[in-house]
């Protein structure tokens, strides 16, 4: 397994929004201001996206190798 670590900083402008984290078009986590998560992923290519109640990021594609963090 490989790991993806995501940290959300302490930004003031969007502190009341919850970020919905999508990997391969599936909602896998929620991030509030200051949160950090670690997701276990299979090696390979994955799609990453963040959504809030109003905004949606573009889809970012990334590759991760076996035992990579």
PDB file of N, CA and C in Angstrom:
ATOM      1  N   UNK A   1       0.831  -1.193   0.000  1.00  0.00           N
ATOM      2  CA  UNK A   1       0.000   0.000   0.000  1.00  0.00           C
ATOM      3  C   UNK A   1       0.872   1.252   0.000  1.00  0.00           C
ATOM      4  N   UNK A   2       0.317   2.296  -0.528  1.00  0.00           N
ATOM      5  CA  UNK A   2       0.939   3.613  -0.528  1.00  0.00           C
ATOM      6  C   UNK A   2       0.040   4.560   0.248  1.00  0.00           C
ATOM      7  N   UNK A   3       0.579   5.714   0.600  1.00  0.00           N
ATOM      8  CA  UNK A   3      -0.209   6.661   1.401  1.00  0.00           C
ATOM      9  C   UNK A   3      -0.234   8.042   0.761  1.00  0.00           C
ATOM     10  N   UNK A   4      -1.389   8.680   0.876  1.00  0.00           N
ATOM     11  CA  UNK A   4      -1.564  10.061   0.461  1.00  0.00           C
ATOM     12  C   UNK A   4      -1.901  10.857   1.712  1.00  0.00           C
ATOM     13  N   UNK A   5      -1.088  11.851   2.029  1.00  0.00           N
ATOM     14  CA  UNK A   5      -1.342  12.713   3.189  1.00  0.00           C
ATOM     15  C   UNK A   5      -1.841  14.065   2.697  1.00  0.00           C
ATOM     16  N   UNK A   6      -2.920  14.520   3.316  1.00  0.00           N
ATOM     17  CA  UNK A   6      -3.521  15.801   2.946  1.00  0.00           C
ATOM     18  C   UNK A   6      -3.657  16.644   4.198  1.00  0.00           C
ATOM     19  N   UNK A   7      -3.165  17.872   4.126  1.00  0.00           N
ATOM     20  CA  UNK A   7      -3.264  18.814   5.240  1.00  0.00           C
ATOM     21  C   UNK A   7      -3.999  20.046   4.749  1.00  0.00           C
ATOM     22  N   UNK A   8      -4.970  20.506   5.532  1.00  0.00           N
ATOM     23  CA  UNK A   8      -5.680  21.740   5.223  1.00  0.00           C
ATOM     24  C   UNK A   8      -5.231  22.791   6.221  1.00  0.00           C
ATOM     25  N   UNK A   9      -4.688  23.863   5.716  1.00  0.00           N
ATOM     26  CA  UNK A   9      -4.177  24.935   6.555  1.00  0.00           C
ATOM     27  C   UNK A   9      -5.268  25.693   7.288  1.00  0.00           C
ATOM     28  N   UNK A  10      -4.839  26.729   7.978  1.00  0.00           N
ATOM     29  CA  UNK A  10      -5.746  27.521   8.814  1.00  0.00           C
ATOM     30  C   UNK A  10      -6.181  28.801   8.093  1.00  0.00           C
ATOM     31  N   UNK A  11      -6.637  28.685   6.853  1.00  0.00           N
ATOM     32  CA  UNK A  11      -7.044  29.865   6.094  1.00  0.00           C
ATOM     33  C   UNK A  11      -8.299  30.496   6.700  1.00  0.00           C
ATOM     34  N   UNK A  12      -8.344  31.789   6.721  1.00  0.00           N
ATOM     35  CA  UNK A  12      -9.466  32.507   7.338  1.00  0.00           C
ATOM     36  C   UNK A  12     -10.652  32.622   6.392  1.00  0.00           C
ATOM     37  N   UNK A  13     -10.389  32.828   5.123  1.00  0.00           N
ATOM     38  CA  UNK A  13     -11.461  33.130   4.175  1.00  0.00           C
ATOM     39  C   UNK A  13     -12.463  31.981   4.011  1.00  0.00           C
ATOM     40  N   UNK A  14     -12.015  30.749   4.152  1.00  0.00           N
ATOM     41  CA  UNK A  14     -12.935  29.616   3.957  1.00  0.00           C
ATOM     42  C   UNK A  14     -13.016  28.716   5.189  1.00  0.00           C
ATOM     43  N   UNK A  15     -12.797  29.276   6.347  1.00  0.00           N
ATOM     44  CA  UNK A  15     -12.727  28.460   7.568  1.00  0.00           C
ATOM     45  C   UNK A  15     -14.031  27.767   7.923  1.00  0.00           C
ATOM     46  N   UNK A  16     -15.156  28.265   7.411  1.00  0.00           N
ATOM     47  CA  UNK A  16     -16.440  27.646   7.746  1.00  0.00           C
ATOM     48  C   UNK A  16     -16.879  26.596   6.723  1.00  0.00           C
ATOM     49  N   UNK A  17     -16.084  26.403   5.674  1.00  0.00           N
ATOM     50  CA  UNK A  17     -16.416  25.410   4.656  1.00  0.00           C
ATOM     51  C   UNK A  17     -15.786  24.061   5.004  1.00  0.00           C
ATOM     52  N   UNK A  18     -16.503  23.009   4.743  1.00  0.00           N
ATOM     53  CA  UNK A  18     -15.952  21.666   4.875  1.00  0.00           C
ATOM     54  C   UNK A  18     -15.550  21.205   3.487  1.00  0.00           C
ATOM     55  N   UNK A  19     -14.330  20.686   3.370  1.00  0.00           N
ATOM     56  CA  UNK A  19     -13.843  20.169   2.093  1.00  0.00           C
ATOM     57  C   UNK A  19     -14.171  18.686   2.003  1.00  0.00           C
ATOM     58  N   UNK A  20     -14.810  18.288   0.924  1.00  0.00           N
ATOM     59  CA  UNK A  20     -15.088  16.889   0.640  1.00  0.00           C
ATOM     60  C   UNK A  20     -13.989  16.410  -0.303  1.00  0.00           C
ATOM     61  N   UNK A  21     -13.246  15.409   0.112  1.00  0.00           N
ATOM     62  CA  UNK A  21     -12.124  14.897  -0.662  1.00  0.00           C
ATOM     63  C   UNK A  21     -12.594  13.696  -1.478  1.00  0.00           C
ATOM     64  N   UNK A  22     -12.361  13.760  -2.780  1.00  0.00           N
ATOM     65  CA  UNK A  22     -12.744  12.686  -3.687  1.00  0.00           C
ATOM     66  C   UNK A  22     -11.499  12.056  -4.296  1.00  0.00           C
ATOM     67  N   UNK A  23     -11.420  10.752  -4.214  1.00  0.00           N
ATOM     68  CA  UNK A  23     -10.390   9.978  -4.894  1.00  0.00           C
ATOM     69  C   UNK A  23     -11.117   9.040  -5.846  1.00  0.00           C
ATOM     70  N   UNK A  24     -10.754   9.109  -7.113  1.00  0.00           N
ATOM     71  CA  UNK A  24     -11.397   8.283  -8.144  1.00  0.00           C
ATOM     72  C   UNK A  24     -12.919   8.434  -8.125  1.00  0.00           C
ATOM     73  N   UNK A  25     -13.370   9.681  -7.952  1.00  0.00           N
ATOM     74  CA  UNK A  25     -14.784  10.062  -8.002  1.00  0.00           C
ATOM     75  C   UNK A  25     -15.616   9.503  -6.855  1.00  0.00           C
ATOM     76  N   UNK A  26     -14.949   9.098  -5.754  1.00  0.00           N
ATOM     77  CA  UNK A  26     -15.663   8.644  -4.568  1.00  0.00           C
ATOM     78  C   UNK A  26     -15.285   9.526  -3.388  1.00  0.00           C
ATOM     79  N   UNK A  27     -16.281   9.959  -2.627  1.00  0.00           N
ATOM     80  CA  UNK A  27     -16.037  10.790  -1.447  1.00  0.00           C
ATOM     81  C   UNK A  27     -15.374   9.920  -0.371  1.00  0.00           C
ATOM     82  N   UNK A  28     -14.123  10.243  -0.024  1.00  0.00           N
ATOM     83  CA  UNK A  28     -13.373   9.399   0.912  1.00  0.00           C
ATOM     84  C   UNK A  28     -13.093  10.081   2.249  1.00  0.00           C
ATOM     85  N   UNK A  29     -13.275  11.410   2.333  1.00  0.00           N
ATOM     86  CA  UNK A  29     -12.961  12.096   3.589  1.00  0.00           C
ATOM     87  C   UNK A  29     -13.560  13.494   3.599  1.00  0.00           C
ATOM     88  N   UNK A  30     -13.680  14.029   4.807  1.00  0.00           N
ATOM     89  CA  UNK A  30     -14.070  15.423   5.019  1.00  0.00           C
ATOM     90  C   UNK A  30     -12.933  16.124   5.746  1.00  0.00           C
ATOM     91  N   UNK A  31     -12.634  17.344   5.321  1.00  0.00           N
ATOM     92  CA  UNK A  31     -11.565  18.119   5.964  1.00  0.00           C
ATOM     93  C   UNK A  31     -12.114  19.459   6.420  1.00  0.00           C
ATOM     94  N   UNK A  32     -11.915  19.759   7.688  1.00  0.00           N
ATOM     95  CA  UNK A  32     -12.228  21.080   8.216  1.00  0.00           C
ATOM     96  C   UNK A  32     -10.909  21.830   8.397  1.00  0.00           C
ATOM     97  N   UNK A  33     -10.972  23.091   8.671  1.00  0.00           N
ATOM     98  CA  UNK A  33      -9.776  23.908   8.838  1.00  0.00           C
ATOM     99  C   UNK A  33      -8.842  23.294   9.873  1.00  0.00           C
ATOM    100  N   UNK A  34      -7.567  23.117   9.493  1.00  0.00           N
ATOM    101  CA  UNK A  34      -6.563  22.567  10.391  1.00  0.00           C
ATOM    102  C   UNK A  34      -6.479  21.053  10.424  1.00  0.00           C
ATOM    103  N   UNK A  35      -7.368  20.363   9.703  1.00  0.00           N
ATOM    104  CA  UNK A  35      -7.362  18.897   9.705  1.00  0.00           C
ATOM    105  C   UNK A  35      -6.230  18.336   8.849  1.00  0.00           C
ATOM    106  N   UNK A  36      -5.832  17.107   9.172  1.00  0.00           N
ATOM    107  CA  UNK A  36      -4.870  16.348   8.376  1.00  0.00           C
ATOM    108  C   UNK A  36      -5.357  14.909   8.306  1.00  0.00           C
ATOM    109  N   UNK A  37      -5.273  14.313   7.119  1.00  0.00           N
ATOM    110  CA  UNK A  37      -5.687  12.920   6.956  1.00  0.00           C
ATOM    111  C   UNK A  37      -4.597  12.158   6.204  1.00  0.00           C
ATOM    112  N   UNK A  38      -4.594  10.855   6.386  1.00  0.00           N
ATOM    113  CA  UNK A  38      -3.721   9.967   5.634  1.00  0.00           C
ATOM    114  C   UNK A  38      -4.595   8.875   5.033  1.00  0.00           C
ATOM    115  N   UNK A  39      -4.532   8.736   3.720  1.00  0.00           N
ATOM    116  CA  UNK A  39      -5.324   7.738   3.017  1.00  0.00           C
ATOM    117  C   UNK A  39      -4.409   6.659   2.458  1.00  0.00           C
ATOM    118  N   UNK A  40      -4.783   5.408   2.614  1.00  0.00           N
ATOM    119  CA  UNK A  40      -4.054   4.295   2.012  1.00  0.00           C
ATOM    120  C   UNK A  40      -4.590   4.074   0.610  1.00  0.00           C
ATOM    121  N   UNK A  41      -3.681   4.064  -0.362  1.00  0.00           N
ATOM    122  CA  UNK A  41      -4.060   3.893  -1.759  1.00  0.00           C
ATOM    123  C   UNK A  41      -3.266   2.763  -2.386  1.00  0.00           C
ATOM    124  N   UNK A  42      -3.884   2.098  -3.326  1.00  0.00           N
ATOM    125  CA  UNK A  42      -3.171   1.096  -4.111  1.00  0.00           C
ATOM    126  C   UNK A  42      -2.232   1.832  -5.070  1.00  0.00           C
ATOM    127  N   UNK A  43      -1.097   1.248  -5.383  1.00  0.00           N
ATOM    128  CA  UNK A  43      -0.208   1.864  -6.373  1.00  0.00           C
ATOM    129  C   UNK A  43      -0.938   2.019  -7.707  1.00  0.00           C
ATOM    130  N   UNK A  44      -0.599   3.069  -8.423  1.00  0.00           N
ATOM    131  CA  UNK A  44      -1.218   3.299  -9.728  1.00  0.00           C
ATOM    132  C   UNK A  44      -1.594   4.751  -9.913  1.00  0.00           C
ATOM    133  N   UNK A  45      -2.460   5.007 -10.858  1.00  0.00           N
ATOM    134  CA  UNK A  45      -2.916   6.355 -11.199  1.00  0.00           C
ATOM    135  C   UNK A  45      -4.280   6.598 -10.570  1.00  0.00           C
ATOM    136  N   UNK A  46      -4.436   7.774  -9.966  1.00  0.00           N
ATOM    137  CA  UNK A  46      -5.675   8.125  -9.271  1.00  0.00           C
ATOM    138  C   UNK A  46      -6.105   9.541  -9.640  1.00  0.00           C
ATOM    139  N   UNK A  47      -7.400   9.813  -9.500  1.00  0.00           N
ATOM    140  CA  UNK A  47      -7.956  11.151  -9.682  1.00  0.00           C
ATOM    141  C   UNK A  47      -8.264  11.739  -8.315  1.00  0.00           C
ATOM    142  N   UNK A  48      -7.962  13.032  -8.148  1.00  0.00           N
ATOM    143  CA  UNK A  48      -8.145  13.745  -6.879  1.00  0.00           C
ATOM    144  C   UNK A  48      -8.959  14.994  -7.146  1.00  0.00           C
ATOM    145  N   UNK A  49      -9.954  15.254  -6.290  1.00  0.00           N
ATOM    146  CA  UNK A  49     -10.784  16.452  -6.439  1.00  0.00           C
ATOM    147  C   UNK A  49     -11.284  16.882  -5.074  1.00  0.00           C
ATOM    148  N   UNK A  50     -11.490  18.185  -4.904  1.00  0.00           N
ATOM    149  CA  UNK A  50     -12.049  18.758  -3.681  1.00  0.00           C
ATOM    150  C   UNK A  50     -13.356  19.462  -4.030  1.00  0.00           C
ATOM    151  N   UNK A  51     -14.372  19.218  -3.200  1.00  0.00           N
ATOM    152  CA  UNK A  51     -15.656  19.896  -3.384  1.00  0.00           C
ATOM    153  C   UNK A  51     -16.095  20.503  -2.060  1.00  0.00           C
ATOM    154  N   UNK A  52     -16.752  21.648  -2.155  1.00  0.00           N
ATOM    155  CA  UNK A  52     -17.421  22.248  -1.001  1.00  0.00           C
ATOM    156  C   UNK A  52     -18.897  22.340  -1.368  1.00  0.00           C
ATOM    157  N   UNK A  53     -19.686  22.980  -0.548  1.00  0.00           N
ATOM    158  CA  UNK A  53     -21.095  23.133  -0.880  1.00  0.00           C
ATOM    159  C   UNK A  53     -21.323  23.961  -2.122  1.00  0.00           C
ATOM    160  N   UNK A  54     -20.366  24.825  -2.472  1.00  0.00           N
ATOM    161  CA  UNK A  54     -20.536  25.759  -3.576  1.00  0.00           C
ATOM    162  C   UNK A  54     -19.509  25.542  -4.691  1.00  0.00           C
ATOM    163  N   UNK A  55     -18.279  25.239  -4.324  1.00  0.00           N
ATOM    164  CA  UNK A  55     -17.179  25.191  -5.284  1.00  0.00           C
ATOM    165  C   UNK A  55     -16.686  23.763  -5.514  1.00  0.00           C
ATOM    166  N   UNK A  56     -16.146  23.551  -6.715  1.00  0.00           N
ATOM    167  CA  UNK A  56     -15.542  22.268  -7.075  1.00  0.00           C
ATOM    168  C   UNK A  56     -14.223  22.542  -7.785  1.00  0.00           C
ATOM    169  N   UNK A  57     -13.167  21.854  -7.355  1.00  0.00           N
ATOM    170  CA  UNK A  57     -11.872  22.015  -8.018  1.00  0.00           C
ATOM    171  C   UNK A  57     -11.863  21.215  -9.313  1.00  0.00           C
ATOM    172  N   UNK A  58     -10.848  21.462 -10.110  1.00  0.00           N
ATOM    173  CA  UNK A  58     -10.657  20.604 -11.273  1.00  0.00           C
ATOM    174  C   UNK A  58     -10.163  19.246 -10.783  1.00  0.00           C
ATOM    175  N   UNK A  59     -10.203  18.252 -11.628  1.00  0.00           N
ATOM    176  CA  UNK A  59      -9.710  16.922 -11.278  1.00  0.00           C
ATOM    177  C   UNK A  59      -8.212  16.884 -11.544  1.00  0.00           C
ATOM    178  N   UNK A  60      -7.459  16.460 -10.540  1.00  0.00           N
ATOM    179  CA  UNK A  60      -6.010  16.309 -10.662  1.00  0.00           C
ATOM    180  C   UNK A  60      -5.690  14.826 -10.733  1.00  0.00           C
ATOM    181  N   UNK A  61      -4.928  14.437 -11.727  1.00  0.00           N
ATOM    182  CA  UNK A  61      -4.524  13.038 -11.877  1.00  0.00           C
ATOM    183  C   UNK A  61      -3.085  12.896 -11.391  1.00  0.00           C
ATOM    184  N   UNK A  62      -2.830  11.872 -10.574  1.00  0.00           N
ATOM    185  CA  UNK A  62      -1.485  11.637 -10.072  1.00  0.00           C
ATOM    186  C   UNK A  62      -1.211  10.143 -10.033  1.00  0.00           C
ATOM    187  N   UNK A  63       0.061   9.790 -10.043  1.00  0.00           N
ATOM    188  CA  UNK A  63       0.489   8.395  -9.935  1.00  0.00           C
ATOM    189  C   UNK A  63       1.261   8.227  -8.653  1.00  0.00           C
ATOM    190  N   UNK A  64       1.099   7.060  -8.036  1.00  0.00           N
ATOM    191  CA  UNK A  64       1.787   6.761  -6.789  1.00  0.00           C
ATOM    192  C   UNK A  64       2.353   5.337  -6.889  1.00  0.00           C
ATOM    193  N   UNK A  65       3.583   5.178  -6.440  1.00  0.00           N
ATOM    194  CA  UNK A  65       4.262   3.886  -6.507  1.00  0.00           C
ATOM    195  C   UNK A  65       4.046   3.097  -5.224  1.00  0.00           C
ATOM    196  N   UNK A  66       4.377   1.835  -5.252  1.00  0.00           N
ATOM    197  CA  UNK A  66       4.270   0.970  -4.077  1.00  0.00           C
ATOM    198  C   UNK A  66       5.123   1.521  -2.929  1.00  0.00           C
ATOM    199  N   UNK A  67       4.551   1.624  -1.737  1.00  0.00           N
ATOM    200  CA  UNK A  67       5.192   2.145  -0.520  1.00  0.00           C
ATOM    201  C   UNK A  67       5.604   3.609  -0.610  1.00  0.00           C
ATOM    202  N   UNK A  68       5.046   4.354  -1.531  1.00  0.00           N
ATOM    203  CA  UNK A  68       5.346   5.782  -1.644  1.00  0.00           C
ATOM    204  C   UNK A  68       4.392   6.565  -0.751  1.00  0.00           C
ATOM    205  N   UNK A  69       4.885   7.654  -0.177  1.00  0.00           N
ATOM    206  CA  UNK A  69       4.055   8.544   0.639  1.00  0.00           C
ATOM    207  C   UNK A  69       4.078   9.920   0.019  1.00  0.00           C
TER     208      UNK A  69
END
